[in-house]
Amino acid sequence: MKQNLLTKLLQYVVWIAISIIGGWQLTYHIDDLSPGNMPYSVDMFIRFCVEVVGRNDLANPDDMEVLGLLLYWAIAALLIGALLFLCYIAAHALFRRRRS
C-alpha cells in the first residue's frame, strides 16, 4: 500500500514537472512566433485582472510584457497538462482492453 502511494505521488510529480517545463518551452515558441507587440485583447485582459486585484501599479509597459508571458505560460502549461491527462486516459483504456 505504501509503495503504491509513493509511486502514484512520484508519477504526479513527474507529470506536473513535464507540464511546467513543456509549457515553458511552448511559451518561448509562441513568443518567437509573434515578435511584435502584445495583442490588444491580451493587454486589456491583463489590465482588467490587474484592476480587479487592485494592483494598478503593475499596469506599466514593462510589467505588462512580463505578465503577458506569465499568462501565456499558464495557458500553455494547462494545455500540456490536459494533453498528458488525455494520453494517460487513452493508454489506461488501451491496457485495460488488452488485459481482458
PDB file of N, CA and C in Angstrom:
ATOM      1  N   MET A   1       0.823  -1.196   0.000  1.00  0.00           N
ATOM      2  CA  MET A   1       0.000   0.000   0.000  1.00  0.00           C
ATOM      3  C   MET A   1       0.871   1.265   0.000  1.00  0.00           C
ATOM      4  N   LYS A   2       1.901   1.263   0.847  1.00  0.00           N
ATOM      5  CA  LYS A   2       2.769   2.426   0.934  1.00  0.00           C
ATOM      6  C   LYS A   2       3.572   2.613  -0.355  1.00  0.00           C
ATOM      7  N   GLN A   3       3.999   1.501  -0.956  1.00  0.00           N
ATOM      8  CA  GLN A   3       4.745   1.560  -2.202  1.00  0.00           C
ATOM      9  C   GLN A   3       3.864   2.115  -3.325  1.00  0.00           C
ATOM     10  N   ASN A   4       2.614   1.704  -3.361  1.00  0.00           N
ATOM     11  CA  ASN A   4       1.689   2.178  -4.379  1.00  0.00           C
ATOM     12  C   ASN A   4       1.448   3.683  -4.227  1.00  0.00           C
ATOM     13  N   LEU A   5       1.326   4.156  -3.008  1.00  0.00           N
ATOM     14  CA  LEU A   5       1.126   5.576  -2.752  1.00  0.00           C
ATOM     15  C   LEU A   5       2.357   6.381  -3.180  1.00  0.00           C
ATOM     16  N   LEU A   6       3.534   5.839  -2.911  1.00  0.00           N
ATOM     17  CA  LEU A   6       4.771   6.513  -3.297  1.00  0.00           C
ATOM     18  C   LEU A   6       4.932   6.574  -4.812  1.00  0.00           C
ATOM     19  N   THR A   7       4.598   5.505  -5.501  1.00  0.00           N
ATOM     20  CA  THR A   7       4.708   5.526  -6.957  1.00  0.00           C
ATOM     21  C   THR A   7       3.701   6.476  -7.574  1.00  0.00           C
ATOM     22  N   LYS A   8       2.492   6.532  -7.044  1.00  0.00           N
ATOM     23  CA  LYS A   8       1.490   7.480  -7.553  1.00  0.00           C
ATOM     24  C   LYS A   8       1.943   8.916  -7.324  1.00  0.00           C
ATOM     25  N   LEU A   9       2.492   9.191  -6.149  1.00  0.00           N
ATOM     26  CA  LEU A   9       2.968  10.537  -5.850  1.00  0.00           C
ATOM     27  C   LEU A   9       4.110  10.931  -6.777  1.00  0.00           C
ATOM     28  N   LEU A  10       5.035  10.014  -7.007  1.00  0.00           N
ATOM     29  CA  LEU A  10       6.134  10.277  -7.927  1.00  0.00           C
ATOM     30  C   LEU A  10       5.623  10.489  -9.351  1.00  0.00           C
ATOM     31  N   GLN A  11       4.624   9.719  -9.735  1.00  0.00           N
ATOM     32  CA  GLN A  11       4.031   9.864 -11.062  1.00  0.00           C
ATOM     33  C   GLN A  11       3.401  11.252 -11.217  1.00  0.00           C
ATOM     34  N   TYR A  12       2.682  11.705 -10.224  1.00  0.00           N
ATOM     35  CA  TYR A  12       2.057  13.036 -10.290  1.00  0.00           C
ATOM     36  C   TYR A  12       3.099  14.152 -10.321  1.00  0.00           C
ATOM     37  N   VAL A  13       4.174  13.990  -9.554  1.00  0.00           N
ATOM     38  CA  VAL A  13       5.242  14.997  -9.559  1.00  0.00           C
ATOM     39  C   VAL A  13       5.901  15.073 -10.929  1.00  0.00           C
ATOM     40  N   VAL A  14       6.118  13.929 -11.549  1.00  0.00           N
ATOM     41  CA  VAL A  14       6.723  13.908 -12.887  1.00  0.00           C
ATOM     42  C   VAL A  14       5.789  14.552 -13.904  1.00  0.00           C
ATOM     43  N   TRP A  15       4.491  14.275 -13.810  1.00  0.00           N
ATOM     44  CA  TRP A  15       3.531  14.882 -14.737  1.00  0.00           C
ATOM     45  C   TRP A  15       3.485  16.399 -14.578  1.00  0.00           C
ATOM     46  N   ILE A  16       3.502  16.859 -13.346  1.00  0.00           N
ATOM     47  CA  ILE A  16       3.483  18.307 -13.107  1.00  0.00           C
ATOM     48  C   ILE A  16       4.764  18.941 -13.645  1.00  0.00           C
ATOM     49  N   ALA A  17       5.896  18.300 -13.414  1.00  0.00           N
ATOM     50  CA  ALA A  17       7.166  18.837 -13.924  1.00  0.00           C
ATOM     51  C   ALA A  17       7.169  18.876 -15.446  1.00  0.00           C
ATOM     52  N   ILE A  18       6.654  17.826 -16.082  1.00  0.00           N
ATOM     53  CA  ILE A  18       6.604  17.803 -17.551  1.00  0.00           C
ATOM     54  C   ILE A  18       5.687  18.906 -18.067  1.00  0.00           C
ATOM     55  N   SER A  19       4.544  19.117 -17.427  1.00  0.00           N
ATOM     56  CA  SER A  19       3.626  20.153 -17.910  1.00  0.00           C
ATOM     57  C   SER A  19       4.202  21.550 -17.686  1.00  0.00           C
ATOM     58  N   ILE A  20       4.919  21.765 -16.592  1.00  0.00           N
ATOM     59  CA  ILE A  20       5.531  23.071 -16.344  1.00  0.00           C
ATOM     60  C   ILE A  20       6.648  23.344 -17.341  1.00  0.00           C
ATOM     61  N   ILE A  21       7.533  22.369 -17.529  1.00  0.00           N
ATOM     62  CA  ILE A  21       8.651  22.562 -18.460  1.00  0.00           C
ATOM     63  C   ILE A  21       8.144  22.621 -19.902  1.00  0.00           C
ATOM     64  N   GLY A  22       7.185  21.774 -20.248  1.00  0.00           N
ATOM     65  CA  GLY A  22       6.614  21.814 -21.586  1.00  0.00           C
ATOM     66  C   GLY A  22       5.899  23.123 -21.864  1.00  0.00           C
ATOM     67  N   GLY A  23       5.188  23.651 -20.865  1.00  0.00           N
ATOM     68  CA  GLY A  23       4.538  24.949 -21.012  1.00  0.00           C
ATOM     69  C   GLY A  23       5.545  26.067 -21.181  1.00  0.00           C
ATOM     70  N   TRP A  24       6.658  25.959 -20.479  1.00  0.00           N
ATOM     71  CA  TRP A  24       7.719  26.953 -20.596  1.00  0.00           C
ATOM     72  C   TRP A  24       8.292  26.966 -22.008  1.00  0.00           C
ATOM     73  N   GLN A  25       8.580  25.775 -22.538  1.00  0.00           N
ATOM     74  CA  GLN A  25       9.123  25.679 -23.888  1.00  0.00           C
ATOM     75  C   GLN A  25       8.109  26.146 -24.934  1.00  0.00           C
ATOM     76  N   LEU A  26       6.849  25.778 -24.754  1.00  0.00           N
ATOM     77  CA  LEU A  26       5.808  26.209 -25.690  1.00  0.00           C
ATOM     78  C   LEU A  26       5.624  27.719 -25.649  1.00  0.00           C
ATOM     79  N   THR A  27       5.765  28.318 -24.483  1.00  0.00           N
ATOM     80  CA  THR A  27       5.655  29.771 -24.359  1.00  0.00           C
ATOM     81  C   THR A  27       6.754  30.464 -25.152  1.00  0.00           C
ATOM     82  N   TYR A  28       7.973  29.949 -25.084  1.00  0.00           N
ATOM     83  CA  TYR A  28       9.052  30.563 -25.850  1.00  0.00           C
ATOM     84  C   TYR A  28       8.833  30.410 -27.349  1.00  0.00           C
ATOM     85  N   HIS A  29       8.248  29.286 -27.773  1.00  0.00           N
ATOM     86  CA  HIS A  29       7.950  29.129 -29.198  1.00  0.00           C
ATOM     87  C   HIS A  29       6.838  30.086 -29.632  1.00  0.00           C
ATOM     88  N   ILE A  30       5.843  30.266 -28.787  1.00  0.00           N
ATOM     89  CA  ILE A  30       4.756  31.210 -29.097  1.00  0.00           C
ATOM     90  C   ILE A  30       5.302  32.629 -29.135  1.00  0.00           C
ATOM     91  N   ASP A  31       6.177  32.960 -28.202  1.00  0.00           N
ATOM     92  CA  ASP A  31       6.750  34.301 -28.164  1.00  0.00           C
ATOM     93  C   ASP A  31       7.634  34.560 -29.381  1.00  0.00           C
ATOM     94  N   ASP A  32       8.324  33.547 -29.865  1.00  0.00           N
ATOM     95  CA  ASP A  32       9.145  33.709 -31.066  1.00  0.00           C
ATOM     96  C   ASP A  32       8.292  33.904 -32.318  1.00  0.00           C
ATOM     97  N   LEU A  33       7.083  33.325 -32.314  1.00  0.00           N
ATOM     98  CA  LEU A  33       6.212  33.457 -33.478  1.00  0.00           C
ATOM     99  C   LEU A  33       5.614  34.849 -33.613  1.00  0.00           C
ATOM    100  N   SER A  34       5.463  35.548 -32.493  1.00  0.00           N
ATOM    101  CA  SER A  34       4.855  36.881 -32.540  1.00  0.00           C
ATOM    102  C   SER A  34       5.850  37.922 -32.027  1.00  0.00           C
ATOM    103  N   PRO A  35       6.759  38.394 -32.901  1.00  0.00           N
ATOM    104  CA  PRO A  35       7.793  39.329 -32.444  1.00  0.00           C
ATOM    105  C   PRO A  35       7.273  40.757 -32.227  1.00  0.00           C
ATOM    106  N   GLY A  36       6.041  41.033 -32.604  1.00  0.00           N
ATOM    107  CA  GLY A  36       5.500  42.388 -32.460  1.00  0.00           C
ATOM    108  C   GLY A  36       5.009  42.661 -31.058  1.00  0.00           C
ATOM    109  N   ASN A  37       4.137  43.623 -30.963  1.00  0.00           N
ATOM    110  CA  ASN A  37       3.563  43.988 -29.668  1.00  0.00           C
ATOM    111  C   ASN A  37       2.549  42.953 -29.210  1.00  0.00           C
ATOM    112  N   MET A  38       2.191  43.050 -27.942  1.00  0.00           N
ATOM    113  CA  MET A  38       1.192  42.172 -27.368  1.00  0.00           C
ATOM    114  C   MET A  38      -0.167  42.483 -28.010  1.00  0.00           C
ATOM    115  N   PRO A  39      -0.968  41.466 -28.307  1.00  0.00           N
ATOM    116  CA  PRO A  39      -2.294  41.734 -28.870  1.00  0.00           C
ATOM    117  C   PRO A  39      -3.145  42.577 -27.924  1.00  0.00           C
ATOM    118  N   TYR A  40      -4.005  43.381 -28.510  1.00  0.00           N
ATOM    119  CA  TYR A  40      -4.823  44.310 -27.735  1.00  0.00           C
ATOM    120  C   TYR A  40      -5.726  43.571 -26.744  1.00  0.00           C
ATOM    121  N   SER A  41      -6.287  42.444 -27.163  1.00  0.00           N
ATOM    122  CA  SER A  41      -7.188  41.706 -26.286  1.00  0.00           C
ATOM    123  C   SER A  41      -6.456  41.170 -25.058  1.00  0.00           C
ATOM    124  N   VAL A  42      -5.230  40.698 -25.242  1.00  0.00           N
ATOM    125  CA  VAL A  42      -4.436  40.194 -24.107  1.00  0.00           C
ATOM    126  C   VAL A  42      -4.086  41.349 -23.176  1.00  0.00           C
ATOM    127  N   ASP A  43      -3.723  42.487 -23.747  1.00  0.00           N
ATOM    128  CA  ASP A  43      -3.396  43.671 -22.953  1.00  0.00           C
ATOM    129  C   ASP A  43      -4.590  44.111 -22.108  1.00  0.00           C
ATOM    130  N   MET A  44      -5.766  44.150 -22.721  1.00  0.00           N
ATOM    131  CA  MET A  44      -6.962  44.573 -21.986  1.00  0.00           C
ATOM    132  C   MET A  44      -7.346  43.548 -20.914  1.00  0.00           C
ATOM    133  N   PHE A  45      -7.163  42.253 -21.197  1.00  0.00           N
ATOM    134  CA  PHE A  45      -7.464  41.224 -20.199  1.00  0.00           C
ATOM    135  C   PHE A  45      -6.554  41.362 -18.989  1.00  0.00           C
ATOM    136  N   ILE A  46      -5.274  41.590 -19.234  1.00  0.00           N
ATOM    137  CA  ILE A  46      -4.334  41.732 -18.120  1.00  0.00           C
ATOM    138  C   ILE A  46      -4.629  43.007 -17.343  1.00  0.00           C
ATOM    139  N   ARG A  47      -4.925  44.098 -18.044  1.00  0.00           N
ATOM    140  CA  ARG A  47      -5.280  45.342 -17.342  1.00  0.00           C
ATOM    141  C   ARG A  47      -6.535  45.164 -16.489  1.00  0.00           C
ATOM    142  N   PHE A  48      -7.512  44.428 -17.010  1.00  0.00           N
ATOM    143  CA  PHE A  48      -8.731  44.149 -16.249  1.00  0.00           C
ATOM    144  C   PHE A  48      -8.401  43.350 -14.987  1.00  0.00           C
ATOM    145  N   CYS A  49      -7.598  42.297 -15.143  1.00  0.00           N
ATOM    146  CA  CYS A  49      -7.235  41.468 -13.986  1.00  0.00           C
ATOM    147  C   CYS A  49      -6.443  42.258 -12.950  1.00  0.00           C
ATOM    148  N   VAL A  50      -5.543  43.123 -13.422  1.00  0.00           N
ATOM    149  CA  VAL A  50      -4.750  43.936 -12.501  1.00  0.00           C
ATOM    150  C   VAL A  50      -5.653  44.912 -11.747  1.00  0.00           C
ATOM    151  N   GLU A  51      -6.642  45.459 -12.432  1.00  0.00           N
ATOM    152  CA  GLU A  51      -7.547  46.405 -11.769  1.00  0.00           C
ATOM    153  C   GLU A  51      -8.469  45.699 -10.786  1.00  0.00           C
ATOM    154  N   VAL A  52      -8.919  44.492 -11.126  1.00  0.00           N
ATOM    155  CA  VAL A  52      -9.782  43.738 -10.219  1.00  0.00           C
ATOM    156  C   VAL A  52      -9.031  43.380  -8.943  1.00  0.00           C
ATOM    157  N   VAL A  53      -7.765  43.017  -9.083  1.00  0.00           N
ATOM    158  CA  VAL A  53      -6.955  42.658  -7.921  1.00  0.00           C
ATOM    159  C   VAL A  53      -6.605  43.898  -7.103  1.00  0.00           C
ATOM    160  N   GLY A  54      -6.587  45.057  -7.762  1.00  0.00           N
ATOM    161  CA  GLY A  54      -6.284  46.297  -7.055  1.00  0.00           C
ATOM    162  C   GLY A  54      -4.825  46.684  -7.088  1.00  0.00           C
ATOM    163  N   ARG A  55      -4.081  46.174  -8.047  1.00  0.00           N
ATOM    164  CA  ARG A  55      -2.658  46.488  -8.160  1.00  0.00           C
ATOM    165  C   ARG A  55      -2.412  47.311  -9.424  1.00  0.00           C
ATOM    166  N   ASN A  56      -2.917  48.518  -9.465  1.00  0.00           N
ATOM    167  CA  ASN A  56      -2.772  49.370 -10.639  1.00  0.00           C
ATOM    168  C   ASN A  56      -1.325  49.783 -10.893  1.00  0.00           C
ATOM    169  N   ASP A  57      -0.453  49.599  -9.902  1.00  0.00           N
ATOM    170  CA  ASP A  57       0.953  49.943 -10.113  1.00  0.00           C
ATOM    171  C   ASP A  57       1.646  48.969 -11.073  1.00  0.00           C
ATOM    172  N   LEU A  58       1.027  47.816 -11.356  1.00  0.00           N
ATOM    173  CA  LEU A  58       1.608  46.855 -12.289  1.00  0.00           C
ATOM    174  C   LEU A  58       1.221  47.133 -13.736  1.00  0.00           C
ATOM    175  N   ALA A  59       0.457  48.171 -13.988  1.00  0.00           N
ATOM    176  CA  ALA A  59      -0.060  48.434 -15.329  1.00  0.00           C
ATOM    177  C   ALA A  59       0.913  49.247 -16.185  1.00  0.00           C
ATOM    178  N   ASN A  60       2.199  49.263 -15.867  1.00  0.00           N
ATOM    179  CA  ASN A  60       3.153  49.964 -16.725  1.00  0.00           C
ATOM    180  C   ASN A  60       3.634  49.018 -17.830  1.00  0.00           C
ATOM    181  N   PRO A  61       4.181  49.535 -18.912  1.00  0.00           N
ATOM    182  CA  PRO A  61       4.518  48.687 -20.074  1.00  0.00           C
ATOM    183  C   PRO A  61       5.523  47.577 -19.792  1.00  0.00           C
ATOM    184  N   ASP A  62       6.493  47.809 -18.917  1.00  0.00           N
ATOM    185  CA  ASP A  62       7.483  46.762 -18.638  1.00  0.00           C
ATOM    186  C   ASP A  62       6.848  45.575 -17.925  1.00  0.00           C
ATOM    187  N   ASP A  63       6.005  45.862 -16.944  1.00  0.00           N
ATOM    188  CA  ASP A  63       5.359  44.780 -16.210  1.00  0.00           C
ATOM    189  C   ASP A  63       4.305  44.073 -17.055  1.00  0.00           C
ATOM    190  N   MET A  64       3.667  44.783 -17.963  1.00  0.00           N
ATOM    191  CA  MET A  64       2.632  44.176 -18.794  1.00  0.00           C
ATOM    192  C   MET A  64       3.226  43.092 -19.698  1.00  0.00           C
ATOM    193  N   GLU A  65       4.428  43.311 -20.195  1.00  0.00           N
ATOM    194  CA  GLU A  65       5.070  42.307 -21.045  1.00  0.00           C
ATOM    195  C   GLU A  65       5.355  41.025 -20.261  1.00  0.00           C
ATOM    196  N   VAL A  66       5.827  41.178 -19.044  1.00  0.00           N
ATOM    197  CA  VAL A  66       6.117  40.013 -18.208  1.00  0.00           C
ATOM    198  C   VAL A  66       4.826  39.315 -17.800  1.00  0.00           C
ATOM    199  N   LEU A  67       3.797  40.092 -17.476  1.00  0.00           N
ATOM    200  CA  LEU A  67       2.512  39.491 -17.132  1.00  0.00           C
ATOM    201  C   LEU A  67       1.907  38.758 -18.330  1.00  0.00           C
ATOM    202  N   GLY A  68       2.125  39.285 -19.524  1.00  0.00           N
ATOM    203  CA  GLY A  68       1.665  38.592 -20.726  1.00  0.00           C
ATOM    204  C   GLY A  68       2.375  37.262 -20.909  1.00  0.00           C
ATOM    205  N   LEU A  69       3.690  37.231 -20.678  1.00  0.00           N
ATOM    206  CA  LEU A  69       4.430  35.967 -20.763  1.00  0.00           C
ATOM    207  C   LEU A  69       3.963  34.973 -19.693  1.00  0.00           C
ATOM    208  N   LEU A  70       3.668  35.471 -18.501  1.00  0.00           N
ATOM    209  CA  LEU A  70       3.152  34.585 -17.454  1.00  0.00           C
ATOM    210  C   LEU A  70       1.793  34.021 -17.828  1.00  0.00           C
ATOM    211  N   LEU A  71       0.957  34.846 -18.462  1.00  0.00           N
ATOM    212  CA  LEU A  71      -0.345  34.371 -18.918  1.00  0.00           C
ATOM    213  C   LEU A  71      -0.181  33.295 -19.993  1.00  0.00           C
ATOM    214  N   TYR A  72       0.696  33.539 -20.946  1.00  0.00           N
ATOM    215  CA  TYR A  72       0.953  32.545 -21.994  1.00  0.00           C
ATOM    216  C   TYR A  72       1.502  31.257 -21.390  1.00  0.00           C
ATOM    217  N   TRP A  73       2.393  31.378 -20.403  1.00  0.00           N
ATOM    218  CA  TRP A  73       2.967  30.192 -19.766  1.00  0.00           C
ATOM    219  C   TRP A  73       1.895  29.389 -19.029  1.00  0.00           C
ATOM    220  N   ALA A  74       1.004  30.079 -18.305  1.00  0.00           N
ATOM    221  CA  ALA A  74      -0.036  29.379 -17.556  1.00  0.00           C
ATOM    222  C   ALA A  74      -0.969  28.629 -18.503  1.00  0.00           C
ATOM    223  N   ILE A  75      -1.352  29.267 -19.602  1.00  0.00           N
ATOM    224  CA  ILE A  75      -2.236  28.615 -20.564  1.00  0.00           C
ATOM    225  C   ILE A  75      -1.527  27.437 -21.223  1.00  0.00           C
ATOM    226  N   ALA A  76      -0.263  27.619 -21.599  1.00  0.00           N
ATOM    227  CA  ALA A  76       0.485  26.537 -22.241  1.00  0.00           C
ATOM    228  C   ALA A  76       0.690  25.361 -21.292  1.00  0.00           C
ATOM    229  N   ALA A  77       0.983  25.636 -20.023  1.00  0.00           N
ATOM    230  CA  ALA A  77       1.174  24.556 -19.056  1.00  0.00           C
ATOM    231  C   ALA A  77      -0.135  23.797 -18.834  1.00  0.00           C
ATOM    232  N   LEU A  78      -1.265  24.501 -18.798  1.00  0.00           N
ATOM    233  CA  LEU A  78      -2.553  23.826 -18.658  1.00  0.00           C
ATOM    234  C   LEU A  78      -2.870  22.978 -19.886  1.00  0.00           C
ATOM    235  N   LEU A  79      -2.537  23.473 -21.067  1.00  0.00           N
ATOM    236  CA  LEU A  79      -2.772  22.686 -22.280  1.00  0.00           C
ATOM    237  C   LEU A  79      -1.905  21.436 -22.317  1.00  0.00           C
ATOM    238  N   ILE A  80      -0.643  21.560 -21.939  1.00  0.00           N
ATOM    239  CA  ILE A  80       0.246  20.391 -21.894  1.00  0.00           C
ATOM    240  C   ILE A  80      -0.250  19.398 -20.840  1.00  0.00           C
ATOM    241  N   GLY A  81      -0.681  19.896 -19.691  1.00  0.00           N
ATOM    242  CA  GLY A  81      -1.222  19.020 -18.646  1.00  0.00           C
ATOM    243  C   GLY A  81      -2.481  18.303 -19.097  1.00  0.00           C
ATOM    244  N   ALA A  82      -3.356  19.001 -19.816  1.00  0.00           N
ATOM    245  CA  ALA A  82      -4.567  18.356 -20.336  1.00  0.00           C
ATOM    246  C   ALA A  82      -4.219  17.302 -21.369  1.00  0.00           C
ATOM    247  N   LEU A  83      -3.230  17.584 -22.206  1.00  0.00           N
ATOM    248  CA  LEU A  83      -2.797  16.604 -23.194  1.00  0.00           C
ATOM    249  C   LEU A  83      -2.203  15.371 -22.519  1.00  0.00           C
ATOM    250  N   LEU A  84      -1.401  15.571 -21.490  1.00  0.00           N
ATOM    251  CA  LEU A  84      -0.855  14.437 -20.741  1.00  0.00           C
ATOM    252  C   LEU A  84      -1.965  13.605 -20.105  1.00  0.00           C
ATOM    253  N   PHE A  85      -2.971  14.274 -19.560  1.00  0.00           N
ATOM    254  CA  PHE A  85      -4.087  13.574 -18.920  1.00  0.00           C
ATOM    255  C   PHE A  85      -4.862  12.757 -19.944  1.00  0.00           C
ATOM    256  N   LEU A  86      -5.115  13.327 -21.127  1.00  0.00           N
ATOM    257  CA  LEU A  86      -5.828  12.592 -22.169  1.00  0.00           C
ATOM    258  C   LEU A  86      -5.016  11.392 -22.657  1.00  0.00           C
ATOM    259  N   CYS A  87      -3.706  11.564 -22.766  1.00  0.00           N
ATOM    260  CA  CYS A  87      -2.845  10.439 -23.149  1.00  0.00           C
ATOM    261  C   CYS A  87      -2.862   9.349 -22.078  1.00  0.00           C
ATOM    262  N   TYR A  88      -2.885   9.735 -20.815  1.00  0.00           N
ATOM    263  CA  TYR A  88      -2.953   8.763 -19.726  1.00  0.00           C
ATOM    264  C   TYR A  88      -4.266   7.990 -19.779  1.00  0.00           C
ATOM    265  N   ILE A  89      -5.369   8.682 -20.006  1.00  0.00           N
ATOM    266  CA  ILE A  89      -6.680   8.024 -20.078  1.00  0.00           C
ATOM    267  C   ILE A  89      -6.700   7.045 -21.253  1.00  0.00           C
ATOM    268  N   ALA A  90      -6.184   7.475 -22.405  1.00  0.00           N
ATOM    269  CA  ALA A  90      -6.177   6.604 -23.587  1.00  0.00           C
ATOM    270  C   ALA A  90      -5.292   5.383 -23.364  1.00  0.00           C
ATOM    271  N   ALA A  91      -4.117   5.573 -22.794  1.00  0.00           N
ATOM    272  CA  ALA A  91      -3.212   4.450 -22.544  1.00  0.00           C
ATOM    273  C   ALA A  91      -3.802   3.493 -21.510  1.00  0.00           C
ATOM    274  N   HIS A  92      -4.431   4.042 -20.488  1.00  0.00           N
ATOM    275  CA  HIS A  92      -5.048   3.216 -19.453  1.00  0.00           C
ATOM    276  C   HIS A  92      -6.181   2.373 -20.044  1.00  0.00           C
ATOM    277  N   ALA A  93      -6.995   2.977 -20.894  1.00  0.00           N
ATOM    278  CA  ALA A  93      -8.087   2.230 -21.528  1.00  0.00           C
ATOM    279  C   ALA A  93      -7.542   1.165 -22.475  1.00  0.00           C
ATOM    280  N   LEU A  94      -6.484   1.484 -23.194  1.00  0.00           N
ATOM    281  CA  LEU A  94      -5.884   0.514 -24.116  1.00  0.00           C
ATOM    282  C   LEU A  94      -5.304  -0.682 -23.356  1.00  0.00           C
ATOM    283  N   PHE A  95      -4.586  -0.425 -22.269  1.00  0.00           N
ATOM    284  CA  PHE A  95      -4.007  -1.526 -21.494  1.00  0.00           C
ATOM    285  C   PHE A  95      -5.091  -2.355 -20.824  1.00  0.00           C
ATOM    286  N   ARG A  96      -6.145  -1.709 -20.378  1.00  0.00           N
ATOM    287  CA  ARG A  96      -7.235  -2.436 -19.735  1.00  0.00           C
ATOM    288  C   ARG A  96      -7.941  -3.327 -20.763  1.00  0.00           C
ATOM    289  N   ARG A  97      -8.125  -2.843 -21.980  1.00  0.00           N
ATOM    290  CA  ARG A  97      -8.781  -3.622 -23.022  1.00  0.00           C
ATOM    291  C   ARG A  97      -7.908  -4.813 -23.435  1.00  0.00           C
ATOM    292  N   ARG A  98      -6.593  -4.626 -23.465  1.00  0.00           N
ATOM    293  CA  ARG A  98      -5.700  -5.723 -23.853  1.00  0.00           C
ATOM    294  C   ARG A  98      -5.604  -6.796 -22.774  1.00  0.00           C
ATOM    295  N   ARG A  99      -5.762  -6.413 -21.513  1.00  0.00           N
ATOM    296  CA  ARG A  99      -5.687  -7.382 -20.419  1.00  0.00           C
ATOM    297  C   ARG A  99      -6.901  -8.304 -20.407  1.00  0.00           C
ATOM    298  N   SER A 100      -8.054  -7.779 -20.757  1.00  0.00           N
ATOM    299  CA  SER A 100      -9.256  -8.600 -20.671  1.00  0.00           C
ATOM    300  C   SER A 100      -9.588  -9.315 -21.946  1.00  0.00           C
TER     301      SER A 100
END
